[in-house]
Amino acid sequence: MKTGDIVKIQGGYFKSDNGIFKIIHSPGDKNWSGKDWCLYRCNKDLSISKSKYKTAFWPLMITISSNQKYLLARKHNLEHATIEIIKENGKV
């Protein structure tokens, strides 16, 4: 996976974790120090969504105050969440 690819995430514990996303930053990018992929949610026409909660990360990041629900979601995502490239786009 590289910056600019369009990917589909399925099987995430939270409904909002599933959908079609564009990779904005990848590990190794010049201006990105993260070890994960930064994703923006896409609309049906593959344009970047303008919704409030458009940002996601792969592996799926879980931010919830309940430790029990965090552990449940983490285990579920490790076992069930998948990501697949649906369109290779190259660098943005």
Protein backbone atom coordinates (compact mmCIF):
# COMPACT_ATOMS: atom_id res chain seq x y z
CA MET A 1 0.00 0.00 0.00
CA LYS A 2 1.25 3.46 -0.83
CA THR A 3 0.11 7.05 -0.65
CA GLY A 4 -2.71 7.73 -3.10
CA ASP A 5 -4.15 4.21 -3.18
CA ILE A 6 -7.88 3.75 -2.60
CA VAL A 7 -8.58 0.96 -0.10
CA LYS A 8 -11.60 -0.81 1.35
CA ILE A 9 -11.71 -1.75 5.03
CA GLN A 10 -14.13 -4.46 6.17
CA GLY A 11 -14.76 -6.34 9.37
CA GLY A 12 -13.97 -3.52 11.81
CA TYR A 13 -15.64 -3.65 15.23
CA PHE A 14 -17.10 -0.16 14.90
CA LYS A 15 -19.30 0.60 11.89
CA SER A 16 -17.43 3.86 11.26
CA ASP A 17 -14.16 1.93 10.77
CA ASN A 18 -15.50 0.20 7.66
CA GLY A 19 -15.68 1.79 4.22
CA ILE A 20 -13.64 3.17 1.37
CA PHE A 21 -10.62 5.35 2.16
CA LYS A 22 -7.77 7.12 0.37
CA ILE A 23 -4.28 6.71 1.80
CA ILE A 24 -2.95 10.21 2.58
CA HIS A 25 0.28 9.24 4.39
CA SER A 26 2.27 6.00 4.40
CA PRO A 27 5.20 4.84 6.54
CA GLY A 28 8.36 6.14 4.91
CA ASP A 29 6.79 9.25 3.32
CA LYS A 30 9.07 12.28 3.46
CA ASN A 31 6.73 14.37 5.66
CA TRP A 32 5.29 11.50 7.74
CA SER A 33 6.97 10.12 10.85
CA GLY A 34 4.21 7.65 11.73
CA LYS A 35 4.50 3.86 11.53
CA ASP A 36 0.92 3.48 10.33
CA TRP A 37 -1.16 4.58 7.34
CA CYS A 38 -3.29 7.73 7.58
CA LEU A 39 -6.56 7.41 5.66
CA TYR A 40 -9.35 9.80 4.68
CA ARG A 41 -12.87 8.48 4.09
CA CYS A 42 -14.10 8.68 0.49
CA ASN A 43 -17.55 9.40 -0.93
CA LYS A 44 -19.15 7.10 -3.50
CA ASP A 45 -17.46 9.04 -6.33
CA LEU A 46 -14.08 8.44 -4.55
CA SER A 47 -13.68 12.12 -3.63
CA ILE A 48 -12.48 12.92 -0.10
CA SER A 49 -15.35 13.21 2.38
CA LYS A 50 -15.87 16.48 4.24
CA SER A 51 -17.44 14.79 7.25
CA LYS A 52 -16.24 15.53 10.77
CA TYR A 53 -14.93 11.98 11.35
CA LYS A 54 -13.17 11.39 8.03
CA THR A 55 -9.72 10.44 9.36
CA ALA A 56 -8.75 6.83 10.13
CA PHE A 57 -5.55 4.86 10.57
CA TRP A 58 -4.43 1.37 9.59
CA PRO A 59 -4.02 -0.74 11.64
CA LEU A 60 -7.35 0.45 12.98
CA MET A 61 -6.91 2.78 15.93
CA ILE A 62 -9.32 2.46 18.84
CA THR A 63 -10.09 5.50 20.98
CA ILE A 64 -12.67 4.72 23.63
CA SER A 65 -12.77 5.33 27.37
CA SER A 66 -13.99 1.85 28.37
CA ASN A 67 -11.02 -0.49 28.83
CA GLN A 68 -13.26 -3.54 28.49
CA LYS A 69 -14.73 -2.34 25.18
CA TYR A 70 -11.23 -1.35 23.97
CA LEU A 71 -9.94 -4.89 24.55
CA LEU A 72 -13.01 -6.40 22.88
CA ALA A 73 -12.69 -4.12 19.84
CA ARG A 74 -8.93 -4.69 19.56
CA LYS A 75 -9.32 -8.47 19.63
CA HIS A 76 -12.15 -8.31 17.09
CA ASN A 77 -10.14 -6.07 14.72
CA LEU A 78 -7.06 -8.30 14.90
CA GLU A 79 -9.16 -11.33 13.97
CA HIS A 80 -11.65 -9.87 11.48
CA ALA A 81 -10.61 -6.49 10.04
CA THR A 82 -9.20 -6.61 6.52
CA ILE A 83 -7.92 -4.02 4.07
CA GLU A 84 -7.74 -4.40 0.30
CA ILE A 85 -6.51 -2.06 -2.41
CA ILE A 86 -9.34 -1.32 -4.85
CA LYS A 87 -7.51 1.30 -6.94
CA GLU A 88 -3.79 1.96 -7.23
CA ASN A 89 -3.23 5.65 -7.71
CA GLY A 90 0.42 6.37 -6.95
CA LYS A 91 1.63 9.44 -5.10
CA VAL A 92 -0.82 12.25 -4.35
